[in-house]
Amino acid sequence: MKNALAKTVLATTAGLLMTGTALAQTATATATTDLNIRSGPGPQFEAIDVIASGDSATVTGCVADSMWCEIDYNGTVGYAYSDYLTVQAQSEGEAIVLTERPPELVGVAEPSTTANSTVTGAAGGAIAGALVGGPVGAAIGAGLGATAGVVVDPPESARTYVTSNPMEPVYLEGEVVVGAQVPETVTVQAIPDYEYEYVYINGQPVLIDPASREIVYIFR
């Protein structure tokens, strides 16, 4: 009788463990551009690290009805914007943008503001619009590390001016990446004797091409 009971308990435990594993399904994602990891699932949360373009991270789940997914990148646990991550589709083995993930590919993440003990959560600020485009799925069509738009290396004078003259940050849905376009409704500031302008978006100063309104540099 005791042996039979023990076998029943073991079988039940094994079943629960298998169920837990299925619910905690993970996937490996590759960043199509340098991509922020934030302390929570939204642009108003603090950026705590960056996934380098072409690097991979483990996706532990995505927030339901959201473009934010919980990831683990070399021990840093936080949230990244799924438009700039690609994963391998299980059925065909082809890379797809994580935003277009099938439901069975990754589990559902419960939003948490304490994923990383070094941060405290939301920085504040209402969402005032959305960033447009960016290198969505760029790695699929043009090779890993491909990004849209112009990439610049600002001179020290421009760096000093931007960091010495902070602006009230504007929070936009999406993520600040090189190539993303800033809406016309966002006011940008000129930099003396420099061709690019700047604004603080989602808590970070960025350089903007005034003609295209594209982000060309991010101060991290």
Protein backbone atom coordinates (compact mmCIF):
# COMPACT_ATOMS: atom_id res chain seq x y z
CA MET A 1 0.00 0.00 0.00
CA LYS A 2 2.80 2.41 0.95
CA ASN A 3 4.63 1.69 -2.30
CA ALA A 4 1.48 2.32 -4.32
CA LEU A 5 0.86 5.59 -2.48
CA ALA A 6 4.46 6.69 -3.04
CA LYS A 7 4.17 5.98 -6.77
CA THR A 8 0.95 8.00 -6.94
CA VAL A 9 2.59 10.96 -5.20
CA LEU A 10 5.63 10.78 -7.49
CA ALA A 11 3.45 10.61 -10.59
CA THR A 12 1.36 13.57 -9.44
CA THR A 13 4.47 15.61 -8.65
CA ALA A 14 6.00 14.80 -12.02
CA GLY A 15 2.80 15.87 -13.73
CA LEU A 16 2.78 19.19 -11.89
CA LEU A 17 6.43 19.80 -12.78
CA MET A 18 5.74 19.09 -16.43
CA THR A 19 2.76 21.45 -16.36
CA GLY A 20 4.91 24.16 -14.75
CA THR A 21 7.57 23.74 -17.42
CA ALA A 22 5.00 24.06 -20.18
CA LEU A 23 3.58 27.23 -18.66
CA ALA A 24 7.06 28.68 -18.24
CA GLN A 25 8.07 28.20 -21.89
CA THR A 26 10.95 30.43 -22.94
CA ALA A 27 12.50 31.47 -26.25
CA THR A 28 15.75 33.00 -27.42
CA ALA A 29 15.42 36.39 -29.10
CA THR A 30 17.95 38.46 -31.05
CA ALA A 31 18.04 42.29 -30.94
CA THR A 32 17.86 44.02 -34.33
CA THR A 33 19.35 47.22 -32.86
CA ASP A 34 20.82 48.42 -29.57
CA LEU A 35 17.76 47.97 -27.36
CA ASN A 36 16.95 49.22 -23.88
CA ILE A 37 16.04 46.87 -21.06
CA ARG A 38 13.60 48.64 -18.73
CA SER A 39 12.62 47.94 -15.14
CA GLY A 40 8.95 47.56 -16.12
CA PRO A 41 6.76 47.04 -19.20
CA GLY A 42 6.49 50.59 -20.52
CA PRO A 43 8.48 53.58 -21.86
CA GLN A 44 8.11 55.44 -18.55
CA PHE A 45 10.19 52.86 -16.68
CA GLU A 46 13.92 53.32 -16.10
CA ALA A 47 16.39 51.88 -18.62
CA ILE A 48 18.62 49.52 -16.63
CA ASP A 49 20.73 47.97 -19.41
CA VAL A 50 21.03 47.66 -23.20
CA ILE A 51 20.94 44.57 -25.41
CA ALA A 52 23.65 45.11 -28.02
CA SER A 53 22.55 44.83 -31.65
CA GLY A 54 22.88 41.21 -32.76
CA ASP A 55 23.06 39.87 -29.20
CA SER A 56 20.56 37.34 -27.84
CA ALA A 57 18.46 37.28 -24.69
CA THR A 58 16.09 34.75 -23.13
CA VAL A 59 12.42 35.72 -23.35
CA THR A 60 10.65 34.42 -20.25
CA GLY A 61 7.23 35.76 -21.21
CA CYS A 62 5.33 38.62 -22.82
CA VAL A 63 2.71 40.81 -21.16
CA ALA A 64 -0.78 40.00 -22.46
CA ASP A 65 -2.04 42.46 -25.11
CA SER A 66 1.27 44.31 -24.95
CA MET A 67 4.46 44.75 -26.98
CA TRP A 68 6.62 44.44 -23.85
CA CYS A 69 8.30 41.15 -23.01
CA GLU A 70 10.23 40.06 -19.93
CA ILE A 71 13.79 39.07 -20.83
CA ASP A 72 16.98 37.87 -19.20
CA TYR A 73 20.14 39.31 -20.76
CA ASN A 74 23.35 38.05 -19.17
CA GLY A 75 21.69 38.09 -15.75
CA THR A 76 19.86 41.41 -16.16
CA VAL A 77 16.13 40.78 -15.89
CA GLY A 78 13.73 43.40 -17.21
CA TYR A 79 11.45 44.28 -20.12
CA ALA A 80 12.21 44.98 -23.79
CA TYR A 81 10.05 46.18 -26.69
CA SER A 82 9.13 43.24 -28.91
CA ASP A 83 9.25 45.17 -32.22
CA TYR A 84 13.05 45.05 -32.08
CA LEU A 85 13.52 41.40 -31.17
CA THR A 86 13.37 38.40 -33.50
CA VAL A 87 12.79 34.75 -32.62
CA GLN A 88 12.78 31.48 -34.51
CA ALA A 89 9.28 30.24 -35.34
CA GLN A 90 8.95 26.66 -34.14
CA SER A 91 6.89 25.47 -37.09
CA GLU A 92 9.04 26.75 -39.96
CA GLY A 93 12.33 27.60 -38.27
CA GLU A 94 12.30 31.10 -39.76
CA ALA A 95 13.01 34.32 -37.89
CA ILE A 96 9.97 36.41 -37.03
CA VAL A 97 9.53 39.69 -35.15
CA LEU A 98 8.64 38.87 -31.55
CA THR A 99 5.59 41.15 -31.79
CA GLU A 100 4.13 38.67 -34.30
CA ARG A 101 4.80 35.68 -32.04
CA PRO A 102 2.29 32.82 -32.08
CA PRO A 103 0.66 32.28 -28.65
CA GLU A 104 2.43 28.99 -28.08
CA LEU A 105 5.93 30.41 -28.66
CA VAL A 106 6.42 32.12 -25.27
CA GLY A 107 4.51 32.26 -22.01
CA VAL A 108 2.64 35.20 -20.48
CA ALA A 109 4.57 37.47 -18.13
CA GLU A 110 2.90 39.09 -15.14
CA PRO A 111 3.92 42.78 -15.08
CA SER A 112 6.31 43.50 -12.23
CA THR A 113 8.16 46.66 -11.22
CA THR A 114 10.67 44.75 -9.12
CA ALA A 115 12.25 42.51 -11.75
CA ASN A 116 15.62 44.05 -10.95
CA SER A 117 16.39 44.97 -7.34
CA THR A 118 18.46 48.00 -8.35
CA VAL A 119 15.47 49.96 -9.62
CA THR A 120 12.21 51.16 -8.15
CA GLY A 121 9.86 51.14 -11.12
CA ALA A 122 8.09 53.90 -13.05
CA ALA A 123 9.84 57.22 -13.53
CA GLY A 124 6.49 58.96 -14.05
CA GLY A 125 4.95 60.85 -16.94
CA ALA A 126 1.90 60.30 -19.12
CA ILE A 127 2.22 58.72 -22.58
CA ALA A 128 1.89 61.62 -25.04
CA GLY A 129 1.94 59.71 -28.34
CA ALA A 130 4.02 57.10 -30.12
CA LEU A 131 7.36 56.81 -31.85
CA VAL A 132 7.04 55.89 -35.52
CA GLY A 133 8.83 52.97 -37.13
CA GLY A 134 12.45 52.17 -36.48
CA PRO A 135 14.36 49.05 -37.58
CA VAL A 136 11.40 46.70 -37.09
CA GLY A 137 12.55 43.29 -38.27
CA ALA A 138 15.59 44.82 -39.96
CA ALA A 139 17.67 41.76 -39.12
CA ILE A 140 15.39 39.53 -41.17
CA GLY A 141 15.71 41.40 -44.44
CA ALA A 142 19.17 42.91 -44.26
CA GLY A 143 21.28 40.88 -41.88
CA LEU A 144 21.80 41.15 -38.14
CA GLY A 145 22.77 44.54 -36.85
CA ALA A 146 21.13 46.46 -39.70
CA THR A 147 19.47 49.68 -38.60
CA ALA A 148 17.43 52.32 -40.34
CA GLY A 149 18.44 55.95 -40.61
CA VAL A 150 21.65 57.89 -40.08
CA VAL A 151 24.01 57.12 -37.19
CA VAL A 152 26.13 60.02 -35.91
CA ASP A 153 28.95 60.53 -33.42
CA PRO A 154 28.30 63.96 -31.86
CA PRO A 155 31.22 66.22 -30.97
CA GLU A 156 32.01 66.90 -27.32
CA SER A 157 30.52 70.40 -27.55
CA ALA A 158 27.14 68.96 -28.56
CA ARG A 159 27.30 66.28 -25.85
CA THR A 160 28.06 68.87 -23.20
CA TYR A 161 25.26 71.17 -24.35
CA VAL A 162 22.64 68.42 -24.33
CA THR A 163 23.58 67.07 -20.91
CA SER A 164 23.96 70.56 -19.43
CA ASN A 165 20.58 71.76 -20.71
CA PRO A 166 18.08 69.02 -19.81
CA MET A 167 14.49 69.23 -21.06
CA GLU A 168 11.33 67.93 -19.46
CA PRO A 169 11.07 64.36 -20.83
CA VAL A 170 8.32 63.38 -23.24
CA TYR A 171 7.00 59.82 -22.94
CA LEU A 172 6.06 58.08 -26.18
CA GLU A 173 4.84 54.53 -26.72
CA GLY A 174 7.57 52.42 -28.29
CA GLU A 175 11.30 52.51 -27.68
CA VAL A 176 14.04 55.03 -28.40
CA VAL A 177 16.15 53.39 -31.11
CA VAL A 178 18.18 54.86 -33.94
CA GLY A 179 15.90 55.25 -36.95
CA ALA A 180 12.64 55.72 -35.02
CA GLN A 181 10.74 58.85 -36.00
CA VAL A 182 9.58 61.48 -33.50
CA PRO A 183 6.06 62.91 -34.07
CA GLU A 184 5.70 66.54 -35.17
CA THR A 185 3.79 67.25 -31.96
CA VAL A 186 7.01 66.82 -29.95
CA THR A 187 9.02 70.03 -29.49
CA VAL A 188 12.75 69.68 -30.10
CA GLN A 189 15.55 72.06 -29.12
CA ALA A 190 18.35 73.45 -31.31
CA ILE A 191 22.03 72.98 -30.43
CA PRO A 192 24.30 75.97 -31.14
CA ASP A 193 26.52 75.50 -34.21
CA TYR A 194 25.28 71.94 -34.82
CA GLU A 195 23.05 70.46 -37.49
CA TYR A 196 21.05 68.16 -35.22
CA GLU A 197 18.49 69.03 -32.53
CA TYR A 198 17.67 67.25 -29.30
CA VAL A 199 14.85 66.23 -26.99
CA TYR A 200 14.48 63.99 -23.94
CA ILE A 201 12.26 61.00 -24.81
CA ASN A 202 11.30 58.21 -22.41
CA GLY A 203 13.83 59.51 -19.90
CA GLN A 204 16.76 59.66 -22.35
CA PRO A 205 18.25 62.54 -24.37
CA VAL A 206 18.36 61.85 -28.10
CA LEU A 207 19.59 63.70 -31.18
CA ILE A 208 17.04 64.34 -33.93
CA ASP A 209 17.54 64.99 -37.64
CA PRO A 210 15.32 68.10 -38.09
CA ALA A 211 14.49 67.18 -41.70
CA SER A 212 13.37 63.57 -41.20
CA ARG A 213 12.55 63.75 -37.44
CA GLU A 214 14.50 60.50 -37.04
CA ILE A 215 16.54 59.65 -33.96
CA VAL A 216 20.21 59.61 -34.99
CA TYR A 217 21.88 59.24 -31.59
CA ILE A 218 20.90 58.16 -28.07
CA PHE A 219 22.73 59.38 -24.95
CA ARG A 220 22.94 56.40 -22.60
